């Protein structure tokens, strides 16, 4: 599950997991950055708004490091055991936030390729909203280090996600998130049901 800040991604993630749980699916729910003890410590560091001095490359490398641990310790073993893995953010977030919006480009792709190897999503649901809508949904005092960045940055994130979807429309399902939660999830469900039937 992917999306810019304030897109409703985490809400849809919760609905998604509740739905597949009711279908009797054996699945693992996880998130990035995080998902492991090491990953959660990196998450606390990279999102901490008391570190505005963090260099963009440092940020990108921390995300990739958390992801490498996540794949090795949690995701790959779950897949090997035949479980479905549902992840709140994955490689696309780094490609968009650090690669596109931060302007780091190809190095972000390379370091994340090293981090995940051949472990890539079968399908990605991208919940997309305009930056102003997303930012208006997050109270200023609750914003993390990246959410506190200016509107120009969040516009680049939005454009980065659109570009990624245009590049990989067979993997990425674009869902417009500027609607009520039920309508958004019903659209996700319409794409999800055939996948669950195949599984």
N, C-alpha and C. Protein backbone atom coordinates (compact mmCIF):
# COMPACT_ATOMS: atom_id res chain seq x y z
N UNK A 1 0.85 -1.18 0.00
CA UNK A 1 0.00 0.00 0.00
C UNK A 1 0.89 1.23 0.00
N UNK A 2 0.69 2.09 -0.98
CA UNK A 2 1.52 3.27 -1.12
C UNK A 2 0.65 4.53 -1.22
N UNK A 3 1.28 5.66 -1.01
CA UNK A 3 0.58 6.92 -1.19
C UNK A 3 1.32 8.06 -0.52
N UNK A 4 1.07 9.29 -0.95
CA UNK A 4 1.70 10.44 -0.30
C UNK A 4 1.11 10.64 1.10
N UNK A 5 1.76 11.48 1.87
CA UNK A 5 1.29 11.75 3.23
C UNK A 5 -0.12 12.33 3.20
N UNK A 6 -0.98 11.81 4.09
CA UNK A 6 -2.35 12.29 4.17
C UNK A 6 -3.29 11.70 3.13
N UNK A 7 -2.83 10.67 2.41
CA UNK A 7 -3.66 10.09 1.35
C UNK A 7 -4.75 9.17 1.88
N UNK A 8 -4.63 8.76 3.16
CA UNK A 8 -5.57 7.79 3.71
C UNK A 8 -5.06 6.36 3.56
N UNK A 9 -3.80 6.25 3.19
CA UNK A 9 -3.17 4.95 2.94
C UNK A 9 -3.26 4.03 4.15
N UNK A 10 -2.93 4.54 5.33
CA UNK A 10 -2.93 3.69 6.53
C UNK A 10 -4.33 3.26 6.91
N UNK A 11 -5.30 4.13 6.70
CA UNK A 11 -6.70 3.76 6.95
C UNK A 11 -7.12 2.64 6.01
N UNK A 12 -6.77 2.77 4.74
CA UNK A 12 -7.12 1.74 3.77
C UNK A 12 -6.37 0.44 4.05
N UNK A 13 -5.15 0.56 4.54
CA UNK A 13 -4.37 -0.62 4.93
C UNK A 13 -5.11 -1.41 6.02
N UNK A 14 -5.65 -0.69 7.00
CA UNK A 14 -6.39 -1.34 8.09
C UNK A 14 -7.64 -2.03 7.56
N UNK A 15 -8.38 -1.36 6.68
CA UNK A 15 -9.59 -1.95 6.09
C UNK A 15 -9.23 -3.17 5.24
N UNK A 16 -8.15 -3.05 4.50
CA UNK A 16 -7.65 -4.12 3.63
C UNK A 16 -7.36 -5.37 4.47
N UNK A 17 -6.63 -5.19 5.57
CA UNK A 17 -6.25 -6.34 6.41
C UNK A 17 -7.46 -6.94 7.12
N UNK A 18 -8.37 -6.08 7.55
CA UNK A 18 -9.60 -6.57 8.17
C UNK A 18 -10.39 -7.43 7.19
N UNK A 19 -10.43 -6.99 5.95
CA UNK A 19 -11.18 -7.70 4.91
C UNK A 19 -10.56 -9.07 4.61
N UNK A 20 -9.25 -9.11 4.41
CA UNK A 20 -8.64 -10.40 4.06
C UNK A 20 -8.60 -11.35 5.27
N UNK A 21 -8.60 -10.77 6.48
CA UNK A 21 -8.69 -11.61 7.68
C UNK A 21 -10.04 -12.33 7.70
N UNK A 22 -11.09 -11.59 7.33
CA UNK A 22 -12.43 -12.19 7.29
C UNK A 22 -12.57 -13.22 6.17
N UNK A 23 -11.68 -13.14 5.18
CA UNK A 23 -11.68 -14.13 4.10
C UNK A 23 -10.92 -15.40 4.50
N UNK A 24 -10.35 -15.38 5.70
CA UNK A 24 -9.62 -16.55 6.20
C UNK A 24 -8.23 -16.70 5.63
N UNK A 25 -7.67 -15.60 5.10
CA UNK A 25 -6.33 -15.66 4.51
C UNK A 25 -5.26 -15.65 5.60
N UNK A 26 -4.22 -16.46 5.39
CA UNK A 26 -3.04 -16.43 6.26
C UNK A 26 -2.11 -15.35 5.73
N UNK A 27 -1.97 -14.26 6.48
CA UNK A 27 -1.16 -13.16 5.96
C UNK A 27 -0.36 -12.51 7.08
N UNK A 28 0.68 -11.79 6.65
CA UNK A 28 1.52 -11.02 7.55
C UNK A 28 1.31 -9.55 7.23
N UNK A 29 0.98 -8.76 8.25
CA UNK A 29 0.84 -7.32 8.09
C UNK A 29 2.09 -6.65 8.65
N UNK A 30 2.70 -5.77 7.85
CA UNK A 30 3.92 -5.12 8.31
C UNK A 30 4.00 -3.70 7.73
N UNK A 31 5.06 -2.98 8.07
CA UNK A 31 5.15 -1.60 7.60
C UNK A 31 6.60 -1.19 7.41
N UNK A 32 6.76 -0.08 6.67
CA UNK A 32 8.08 0.51 6.47
C UNK A 32 8.02 2.03 6.64
N UNK A 33 9.10 2.63 7.14
CA UNK A 33 10.22 1.91 7.74
C UNK A 33 9.76 1.25 9.03
N UNK A 34 10.36 0.13 9.35
CA UNK A 34 9.97 -0.61 10.54
C UNK A 34 9.85 -2.09 10.25
N UNK A 35 8.95 -2.74 10.97
CA UNK A 35 8.70 -4.16 10.74
C UNK A 35 9.65 -5.08 11.48
N UNK A 36 10.76 -4.55 11.99
CA UNK A 36 11.74 -5.30 12.79
C UNK A 36 12.20 -4.39 13.91
N UNK A 37 12.88 -4.94 14.91
CA UNK A 37 13.39 -4.10 16.00
C UNK A 37 14.37 -3.05 15.46
N UNK A 38 15.26 -3.48 14.56
CA UNK A 38 16.22 -2.56 13.96
C UNK A 38 15.49 -1.51 13.12
N UNK A 39 14.55 -1.97 12.31
CA UNK A 39 13.79 -1.08 11.45
C UNK A 39 13.01 -0.04 12.21
N UNK A 40 12.43 -0.42 13.35
CA UNK A 40 11.66 0.54 14.15
C UNK A 40 12.57 1.60 14.76
N UNK A 41 13.79 1.19 15.12
CA UNK A 41 14.74 2.19 15.66
C UNK A 41 15.15 3.16 14.56
N UNK A 42 15.35 2.65 13.35
CA UNK A 42 15.68 3.53 12.22
C UNK A 42 14.49 4.44 11.92
N UNK A 43 13.27 3.90 12.00
CA UNK A 43 12.07 4.71 11.76
C UNK A 43 12.02 5.90 12.71
N UNK A 44 12.25 5.62 13.99
CA UNK A 44 12.22 6.70 14.99
C UNK A 44 13.25 7.77 14.68
N UNK A 45 14.40 7.35 14.18
CA UNK A 45 15.47 8.30 13.85
C UNK A 45 15.13 9.11 12.60
N UNK A 46 14.73 8.43 11.55
CA UNK A 46 14.56 9.10 10.25
C UNK A 46 13.32 10.02 10.22
N UNK A 47 12.32 9.74 11.06
CA UNK A 47 11.11 10.57 11.07
C UNK A 47 11.10 11.61 12.19
N UNK A 48 12.13 11.58 13.03
CA UNK A 48 12.20 12.49 14.17
C UNK A 48 12.40 13.93 13.71
N UNK A 49 11.42 14.79 14.04
CA UNK A 49 11.48 16.17 13.57
C UNK A 49 12.55 17.00 14.29
N UNK A 50 13.20 16.42 15.29
CA UNK A 50 14.29 17.13 15.97
C UNK A 50 15.61 16.97 15.20
N UNK A 51 15.56 16.30 14.03
CA UNK A 51 16.77 16.13 13.21
C UNK A 51 16.60 16.76 11.82
N UNK A 52 16.31 18.06 11.76
CA UNK A 52 16.14 18.70 10.44
C UNK A 52 17.44 18.76 9.64
N UNK A 53 18.57 18.55 10.32
CA UNK A 53 19.87 18.64 9.65
C UNK A 53 20.22 17.38 8.87
N UNK A 54 19.38 16.34 8.95
CA UNK A 54 19.72 15.08 8.29
C UNK A 54 19.94 15.27 6.79
N UNK A 55 21.07 14.80 6.31
CA UNK A 55 21.41 14.89 4.89
C UNK A 55 20.50 13.97 4.07
N UNK A 56 20.17 14.40 2.85
CA UNK A 56 19.26 13.62 2.00
C UNK A 56 19.79 12.21 1.73
N UNK A 57 21.10 12.09 1.49
CA UNK A 57 21.68 10.79 1.21
C UNK A 57 21.66 9.89 2.46
N UNK A 58 21.91 10.50 3.61
CA UNK A 58 21.81 9.75 4.87
C UNK A 58 20.41 9.19 5.02
N UNK A 59 19.42 10.04 4.77
CA UNK A 59 18.01 9.63 4.84
C UNK A 59 17.73 8.44 3.92
N UNK A 60 18.18 8.53 2.68
CA UNK A 60 17.94 7.46 1.71
C UNK A 60 18.60 6.16 2.14
N UNK A 61 19.82 6.27 2.66
CA UNK A 61 20.54 5.07 3.08
C UNK A 61 19.92 4.43 4.32
N UNK A 62 19.40 5.25 5.21
CA UNK A 62 18.72 4.70 6.39
C UNK A 62 17.46 3.93 5.99
N UNK A 63 16.69 4.49 5.08
CA UNK A 63 15.50 3.79 4.59
C UNK A 63 15.89 2.45 3.95
N UNK A 64 16.93 2.47 3.14
CA UNK A 64 17.37 1.24 2.47
C UNK A 64 17.88 0.21 3.48
N UNK A 65 18.57 0.69 4.51
CA UNK A 65 19.07 -0.22 5.55
C UNK A 65 17.92 -0.88 6.30
N UNK A 66 16.92 -0.09 6.67
CA UNK A 66 15.75 -0.64 7.36
C UNK A 66 15.06 -1.67 6.48
N UNK A 67 14.99 -1.38 5.18
CA UNK A 67 14.31 -2.28 4.23
C UNK A 67 15.09 -3.59 4.06
N UNK A 68 16.41 -3.51 4.00
CA UNK A 68 17.22 -4.73 3.87
C UNK A 68 16.98 -5.66 5.05
N UNK A 69 16.94 -5.10 6.25
CA UNK A 69 16.69 -5.90 7.45
C UNK A 69 15.27 -6.48 7.43
N UNK A 70 14.34 -5.67 7.01
CA UNK A 70 12.92 -6.07 6.94
C UNK A 70 12.73 -7.26 6.00
N UNK A 71 13.34 -7.17 4.83
CA UNK A 71 13.23 -8.25 3.85
C UNK A 71 13.89 -9.52 4.38
N UNK A 72 15.10 -9.38 4.92
CA UNK A 72 15.85 -10.56 5.38
C UNK A 72 15.20 -11.23 6.58
N UNK A 73 14.71 -10.43 7.52
CA UNK A 73 14.22 -10.98 8.79
C UNK A 73 12.75 -11.35 8.76
N UNK A 74 11.94 -10.61 8.00
CA UNK A 74 10.49 -10.78 8.08
C UNK A 74 9.84 -11.20 6.77
N UNK A 75 10.05 -10.41 5.71
CA UNK A 75 9.28 -10.62 4.48
C UNK A 75 9.67 -11.91 3.76
N UNK A 76 10.95 -12.08 3.52
CA UNK A 76 11.38 -13.27 2.77
C UNK A 76 11.01 -14.58 3.49
N UNK A 77 11.22 -14.70 4.82
CA UNK A 77 10.80 -15.92 5.50
C UNK A 77 9.29 -16.17 5.43
N UNK A 78 8.50 -15.09 5.49
CA UNK A 78 7.04 -15.25 5.40
C UNK A 78 6.64 -15.75 4.02
N UNK A 79 7.23 -15.18 2.98
CA UNK A 79 6.93 -15.62 1.62
C UNK A 79 7.37 -17.07 1.40
N UNK A 80 8.51 -17.40 1.95
CA UNK A 80 9.02 -18.77 1.83
C UNK A 80 8.07 -19.77 2.48
N UNK A 81 7.39 -19.33 3.55
CA UNK A 81 6.42 -20.18 4.26
C UNK A 81 5.06 -20.19 3.57
N UNK A 82 4.95 -19.47 2.45
CA UNK A 82 3.69 -19.46 1.69
C UNK A 82 2.67 -18.46 2.17
N UNK A 83 3.09 -17.50 3.00
CA UNK A 83 2.15 -16.51 3.52
C UNK A 83 2.03 -15.31 2.59
N UNK A 84 0.89 -14.68 2.63
CA UNK A 84 0.65 -13.42 1.93
C UNK A 84 1.26 -12.31 2.80
N UNK A 85 1.99 -11.39 2.19
CA UNK A 85 2.58 -10.28 2.94
C UNK A 85 1.93 -8.97 2.47
N UNK A 86 1.41 -8.22 3.43
CA UNK A 86 0.77 -6.94 3.15
C UNK A 86 1.59 -5.86 3.86
N UNK A 87 2.15 -4.95 3.07
CA UNK A 87 3.11 -3.99 3.63
C UNK A 87 2.66 -2.54 3.40
N UNK A 88 2.68 -1.76 4.47
CA UNK A 88 2.39 -0.33 4.41
C UNK A 88 3.69 0.37 4.02
N UNK A 89 3.81 0.71 2.76
CA UNK A 89 5.00 1.29 2.10
C UNK A 89 6.05 0.22 1.82
N UNK A 90 6.79 0.44 0.71
CA UNK A 90 7.91 -0.43 0.36
C UNK A 90 8.85 0.37 -0.53
N UNK A 91 9.49 -0.26 -1.49
CA UNK A 91 10.52 0.39 -2.30
C UNK A 91 10.01 1.65 -3.01
N UNK A 92 8.77 1.61 -3.49
CA UNK A 92 8.25 2.78 -4.23
C UNK A 92 8.37 4.07 -3.43
N UNK A 93 8.17 3.99 -2.12
CA UNK A 93 8.28 5.19 -1.29
C UNK A 93 9.66 5.82 -1.42
N UNK A 94 10.71 5.00 -1.39
CA UNK A 94 12.06 5.55 -1.52
C UNK A 94 12.31 6.10 -2.92
N UNK A 95 11.83 5.38 -3.93
CA UNK A 95 12.01 5.86 -5.30
C UNK A 95 11.37 7.23 -5.49
N UNK A 96 10.23 7.44 -4.83
CA UNK A 96 9.50 8.70 -4.97
C UNK A 96 10.04 9.78 -4.04
N UNK A 97 10.12 9.48 -2.75
CA UNK A 97 10.51 10.51 -1.77
C UNK A 97 11.99 10.90 -1.89
N UNK A 98 12.87 9.90 -1.94
CA UNK A 98 14.29 10.22 -2.01
C UNK A 98 14.80 10.32 -3.45
N UNK A 99 14.38 9.38 -4.29
CA UNK A 99 14.84 9.39 -5.67
C UNK A 99 14.32 10.57 -6.46
N UNK A 100 12.99 10.81 -6.38
CA UNK A 100 12.37 11.87 -7.19
C UNK A 100 12.31 13.20 -6.44
N UNK A 101 11.63 13.22 -5.29
CA UNK A 101 11.41 14.49 -4.59
C UNK A 101 12.71 15.08 -4.04
N UNK A 102 13.60 14.23 -3.54
CA UNK A 102 14.90 14.72 -3.05
C UNK A 102 15.90 14.89 -4.19
N UNK A 103 15.60 14.33 -5.35
CA UNK A 103 16.46 14.50 -6.51
C UNK A 103 17.70 13.63 -6.52
N UNK A 104 17.69 12.52 -5.75
CA UNK A 104 18.87 11.66 -5.68
C UNK A 104 18.96 10.67 -6.84
N UNK A 105 17.84 10.41 -7.50
CA UNK A 105 17.83 9.62 -8.72
C UNK A 105 18.31 8.18 -8.61
N UNK A 106 19.15 7.78 -9.57
CA UNK A 106 19.56 6.39 -9.75
C UNK A 106 20.22 5.73 -8.53
N UNK A 107 21.02 6.44 -7.75
CA UNK A 107 21.61 5.80 -6.57
C UNK A 107 20.56 5.20 -5.62
N UNK A 108 19.40 5.83 -5.52
CA UNK A 108 18.33 5.30 -4.67
C UNK A 108 17.81 3.97 -5.24
N UNK A 109 17.67 3.90 -6.56
CA UNK A 109 17.26 2.66 -7.20
C UNK A 109 18.27 1.56 -6.94
N UNK A 110 19.54 1.88 -7.07
CA UNK A 110 20.60 0.89 -6.90
C UNK A 110 20.64 0.36 -5.47
N UNK A 111 20.62 1.27 -4.48
CA UNK A 111 20.73 0.81 -3.09
C UNK A 111 19.51 0.00 -2.67
N UNK A 112 18.35 0.32 -3.21
CA UNK A 112 17.16 -0.44 -2.86
C UNK A 112 17.09 -1.77 -3.59
N UNK A 113 17.68 -1.82 -4.77
CA UNK A 113 17.79 -3.11 -5.47
C UNK A 113 18.66 -4.06 -4.65
N UNK A 114 19.72 -3.53 -4.07
CA UNK A 114 20.58 -4.32 -3.18
C UNK A 114 19.81 -4.75 -1.93
N UNK A 115 18.97 -3.86 -1.42
CA UNK A 115 18.23 -4.13 -0.18
C UNK A 115 17.20 -5.24 -0.33
N UNK A 116 16.54 -5.31 -1.49
CA UNK A 116 15.42 -6.26 -1.63
C UNK A 116 15.71 -7.44 -2.55
N UNK A 117 16.73 -7.33 -3.40
CA UNK A 117 17.00 -8.40 -4.35
C UNK A 117 15.81 -8.64 -5.26
N UNK A 118 15.32 -9.88 -5.30
CA UNK A 118 14.19 -10.21 -6.17
C UNK A 118 12.85 -10.14 -5.42
N UNK A 119 12.85 -9.56 -4.25
CA UNK A 119 11.64 -9.48 -3.43
C UNK A 119 10.86 -8.21 -3.80
N UNK A 120 9.94 -8.34 -4.74
CA UNK A 120 9.16 -7.19 -5.21
C UNK A 120 7.67 -7.50 -5.09
N UNK A 121 6.83 -6.47 -4.93
CA UNK A 121 5.39 -6.71 -4.77
C UNK A 121 4.75 -7.28 -6.03
N UNK A 122 3.76 -8.15 -5.83
CA UNK A 122 2.94 -8.63 -6.94
C UNK A 122 2.00 -7.53 -7.40
N UNK A 123 1.47 -6.78 -6.44
CA UNK A 123 0.57 -5.67 -6.76
C UNK A 123 0.77 -4.57 -5.72
N UNK A 124 0.66 -3.32 -6.17
CA UNK A 124 0.76 -2.17 -5.29
C UNK A 124 -0.48 -1.31 -5.47
N UNK A 125 -1.17 -1.04 -4.37
CA UNK A 125 -2.31 -0.13 -4.41
C UNK A 125 -1.79 1.25 -4.04
N UNK A 126 -1.91 2.19 -4.97
CA UNK A 126 -1.44 3.55 -4.78
C UNK A 126 -2.64 4.47 -4.53
N UNK A 127 -2.76 4.95 -3.29
CA UNK A 127 -3.83 5.88 -2.92
C UNK A 127 -3.28 7.29 -3.15
N UNK A 128 -3.88 8.00 -4.08
CA UNK A 128 -3.32 9.29 -4.49
C UNK A 128 -4.29 10.44 -4.19
N UNK A 129 -3.77 11.50 -3.57
CA UNK A 129 -4.52 12.74 -3.37
C UNK A 129 -3.60 13.91 -3.67
N UNK A 130 -4.20 15.03 -4.03
CA UNK A 130 -3.42 16.25 -4.25
C UNK A 130 -2.73 16.65 -2.94
N UNK A 131 -1.53 17.24 -3.04
CA UNK A 131 -0.77 17.59 -1.83
C UNK A 131 -1.54 18.44 -0.82
N UNK A 132 -2.29 19.42 -1.28
CA UNK A 132 -3.02 20.30 -0.35
C UNK A 132 -4.04 19.51 0.45
N UNK A 133 -4.72 18.58 -0.22
CA UNK A 133 -5.71 17.75 0.47
C UNK A 133 -5.02 16.90 1.53
N UNK A 134 -3.94 16.26 1.13
CA UNK A 134 -3.22 15.39 2.05
C UNK A 134 -2.71 16.14 3.27
N UNK A 135 -2.10 17.29 3.05
CA UNK A 135 -1.53 18.04 4.16
C UNK A 135 -2.61 18.60 5.10
N UNK A 136 -3.76 18.95 4.53
CA UNK A 136 -4.87 19.45 5.35
C UNK A 136 -5.44 18.37 6.27
N UNK A 137 -5.17 17.10 5.93
CA UNK A 137 -5.68 16.00 6.75
C UNK A 137 -4.79 15.71 7.96
N UNK A 138 -3.58 16.27 7.99
CA UNK A 138 -2.64 15.99 9.08
C UNK A 138 -2.46 17.25 9.92
N UNK A 139 -2.82 17.17 11.19
CA UNK A 139 -2.63 18.31 12.08
C UNK A 139 -1.14 18.66 12.17
N UNK A 140 -0.86 19.95 12.15
CA UNK A 140 0.54 20.38 12.09
C UNK A 140 1.37 19.81 13.23
N UNK A 141 0.82 19.76 14.43
CA UNK A 141 1.59 19.28 15.58
C UNK A 141 1.89 17.79 15.50
N UNK A 142 1.14 17.06 14.67
CA UNK A 142 1.35 15.62 14.53
C UNK A 142 2.28 15.25 13.38
N UNK A 143 2.74 16.24 12.63
CA UNK A 143 3.55 15.96 11.44
C UNK A 143 4.96 15.53 11.79
N UNK A 144 5.44 14.47 11.09
CA UNK A 144 6.81 14.01 11.30
C UNK A 144 7.78 14.86 10.46
N UNK A 145 9.05 14.48 10.46
CA UNK A 145 10.08 15.30 9.81
C UNK A 145 9.81 15.52 8.33
N UNK A 146 9.34 14.48 7.62
CA UNK A 146 9.07 14.63 6.19
C UNK A 146 7.75 15.34 5.94
N UNK A 147 6.76 15.07 6.77
CA UNK A 147 5.46 15.73 6.61
C UNK A 147 5.55 17.23 6.82
N UNK A 148 6.56 17.68 7.56
CA UNK A 148 6.74 19.10 7.84
C UNK A 148 7.39 19.86 6.68
N UNK A 149 7.84 19.15 5.66
CA UNK A 149 8.48 19.82 4.53
C UNK A 149 7.46 20.63 3.73
N UNK A 150 7.96 21.56 2.91
CA UNK A 150 7.06 22.49 2.24
C UNK A 150 6.22 21.84 1.13
N UNK A 151 5.27 22.63 0.65
CA UNK A 151 4.33 22.13 -0.36
C UNK A 151 5.03 21.73 -1.65
N UNK A 152 6.11 22.41 -1.99
CA UNK A 152 6.86 22.09 -3.22
C UNK A 152 7.39 20.66 -3.16
N UNK A 153 7.88 20.26 -1.98
CA UNK A 153 8.37 18.89 -1.81
C UNK A 153 7.22 17.90 -2.00
N UNK A 154 6.09 18.16 -1.38
CA UNK A 154 4.96 17.23 -1.47
C UNK A 154 4.37 17.19 -2.89
N UNK A 155 4.50 18.29 -3.62
CA UNK A 155 4.09 18.28 -5.01
C UNK A 155 4.98 17.35 -5.83
N UNK A 156 6.27 17.38 -5.54
CA UNK A 156 7.21 16.47 -6.22
C UNK A 156 6.90 15.01 -5.88
N UNK A 157 6.52 14.75 -4.63
CA UNK A 157 6.13 13.39 -4.23
C UNK A 157 4.93 12.94 -5.06
N UNK A 158 3.94 13.81 -5.17
CA UNK A 158 2.73 13.51 -5.95
C UNK A 158 3.09 13.19 -7.40
N UNK A 159 3.93 14.04 -7.98
CA UNK A 159 4.34 13.85 -9.38
C UNK A 159 5.18 12.57 -9.53
N UNK A 160 6.00 12.27 -8.52
CA UNK A 160 6.81 11.06 -8.56
C UNK A 160 5.96 9.81 -8.56
N UNK A 161 4.92 9.80 -7.75
CA UNK A 161 4.02 8.64 -7.73
C UNK A 161 3.29 8.49 -9.07
N UNK A 162 2.86 9.60 -9.64
CA UNK A 162 2.19 9.53 -10.95
C UNK A 162 3.13 8.96 -12.01
N UNK A 163 4.37 9.42 -12.00
CA UNK A 163 5.36 8.94 -12.98
C UNK A 163 5.62 7.45 -12.80
N UNK A 164 5.68 7.00 -11.56
CA UNK A 164 5.91 5.59 -11.27
C UNK A 164 4.74 4.73 -11.76
N UNK A 165 3.52 5.22 -11.54
CA UNK A 165 2.32 4.51 -12.02
C UNK A 165 2.32 4.43 -13.55
N UNK A 166 2.67 5.52 -14.20
CA UNK A 166 2.71 5.52 -15.67
C UNK A 166 3.75 4.55 -16.20
N UNK A 167 4.83 4.36 -15.44
CA UNK A 167 5.90 3.44 -15.83
C UNK A 167 5.52 1.98 -15.59
N UNK A 168 4.74 1.71 -14.53
CA UNK A 168 4.42 0.33 -14.16
C UNK A 168 2.91 0.15 -13.90
N UNK A 169 2.07 0.42 -14.89
CA UNK A 169 0.62 0.32 -14.67
C UNK A 169 0.13 -1.11 -14.46
N UNK A 170 0.91 -2.11 -14.86
CA UNK A 170 0.48 -3.49 -14.66
C UNK A 170 0.64 -3.95 -13.21
N UNK A 171 1.57 -3.32 -12.49
CA UNK A 171 1.76 -3.65 -11.06
C UNK A 171 1.02 -2.70 -10.15
N UNK A 172 1.02 -1.43 -10.51
CA UNK A 172 0.47 -0.39 -9.63
C UNK A 172 -0.98 -0.08 -10.01
N UNK A 173 -1.87 -0.22 -9.02
CA UNK A 173 -3.29 0.11 -9.20
C UNK A 173 -3.51 1.49 -8.60
N UNK A 174 -3.86 2.45 -9.45
CA UNK A 174 -4.07 3.83 -8.99
C UNK A 174 -5.49 3.99 -8.46
N UNK A 175 -5.60 4.46 -7.22
CA UNK A 175 -6.88 4.67 -6.56
C UNK A 175 -6.95 6.14 -6.13
N UNK A 176 -7.97 6.86 -6.57
CA UNK A 176 -8.14 8.26 -6.16
C UNK A 176 -8.63 8.30 -4.72
N UNK A 177 -7.84 8.95 -3.84
CA UNK A 177 -8.15 8.93 -2.42
C UNK A 177 -8.94 10.11 -1.91
N UNK A 178 -9.40 10.99 -2.81
CA UNK A 178 -10.13 12.19 -2.37
C UNK A 178 -11.63 11.92 -2.27
N UNK A 179 -12.00 10.74 -1.76
CA UNK A 179 -13.40 10.35 -1.58
C UNK A 179 -13.56 9.77 -0.18
N UNK A 180 -14.80 9.42 0.18
CA UNK A 180 -15.00 8.83 1.50
C UNK A 180 -14.32 7.46 1.58
N UNK A 181 -13.99 7.04 2.78
CA UNK A 181 -13.22 5.81 3.01
C UNK A 181 -13.88 4.58 2.39
N UNK A 182 -15.21 4.51 2.50
CA UNK A 182 -15.93 3.35 1.97
C UNK A 182 -15.80 3.24 0.46
N UNK A 183 -15.93 4.37 -0.23
CA UNK A 183 -15.84 4.35 -1.69
C UNK A 183 -14.44 3.96 -2.15
N UNK A 184 -13.43 4.48 -1.44
CA UNK A 184 -12.05 4.14 -1.78
C UNK A 184 -11.81 2.65 -1.59
N UNK A 185 -12.29 2.11 -0.45
CA UNK A 185 -12.03 0.70 -0.21
C UNK A 185 -12.81 -0.20 -1.17
N UNK A 186 -14.01 0.18 -1.54
CA UNK A 186 -14.77 -0.65 -2.49
C UNK A 186 -14.04 -0.77 -3.82
N UNK A 187 -13.35 0.31 -4.23
CA UNK A 187 -12.57 0.22 -5.46
C UNK A 187 -11.37 -0.71 -5.27
N UNK A 188 -10.71 -0.60 -4.13
CA UNK A 188 -9.60 -1.51 -3.84
C UNK A 188 -10.10 -2.95 -3.85
N UNK A 189 -11.23 -3.18 -3.21
CA UNK A 189 -11.81 -4.53 -3.12
C UNK A 189 -12.11 -5.11 -4.50
N UNK A 190 -12.54 -4.25 -5.42
CA UNK A 190 -12.87 -4.73 -6.77
C UNK A 190 -11.64 -5.28 -7.49
N UNK A 191 -10.47 -4.75 -7.13
CA UNK A 191 -9.21 -5.26 -7.70
C UNK A 191 -8.65 -6.41 -6.87
N UNK A 192 -8.95 -6.39 -5.58
CA UNK A 192 -8.40 -7.39 -4.67
C UNK A 192 -9.08 -8.75 -4.81
N UNK A 193 -10.40 -8.77 -4.95
CA UNK A 193 -11.14 -10.03 -4.98
C UNK A 193 -10.63 -11.03 -6.02
N UNK A 194 -10.39 -10.59 -7.27
CA UNK A 194 -9.86 -11.53 -8.25
C UNK A 194 -8.49 -12.11 -7.87
N UNK A 195 -7.67 -11.29 -7.19
CA UNK A 195 -6.36 -11.75 -6.75
C UNK A 195 -6.50 -12.81 -5.66
N UNK A 196 -7.43 -12.58 -4.74
CA UNK A 196 -7.65 -13.56 -3.66
C UNK A 196 -8.24 -14.87 -4.21
N UNK A 197 -9.09 -14.74 -5.23
CA UNK A 197 -9.69 -15.93 -5.85
C UNK A 197 -8.61 -16.80 -6.49
N UNK A 198 -7.65 -16.13 -7.17
CA UNK A 198 -6.54 -16.87 -7.79
C UNK A 198 -5.70 -17.56 -6.74
N UNK A 199 -5.47 -16.85 -5.61
CA UNK A 199 -4.62 -17.41 -4.55
C UNK A 199 -5.28 -18.61 -3.89
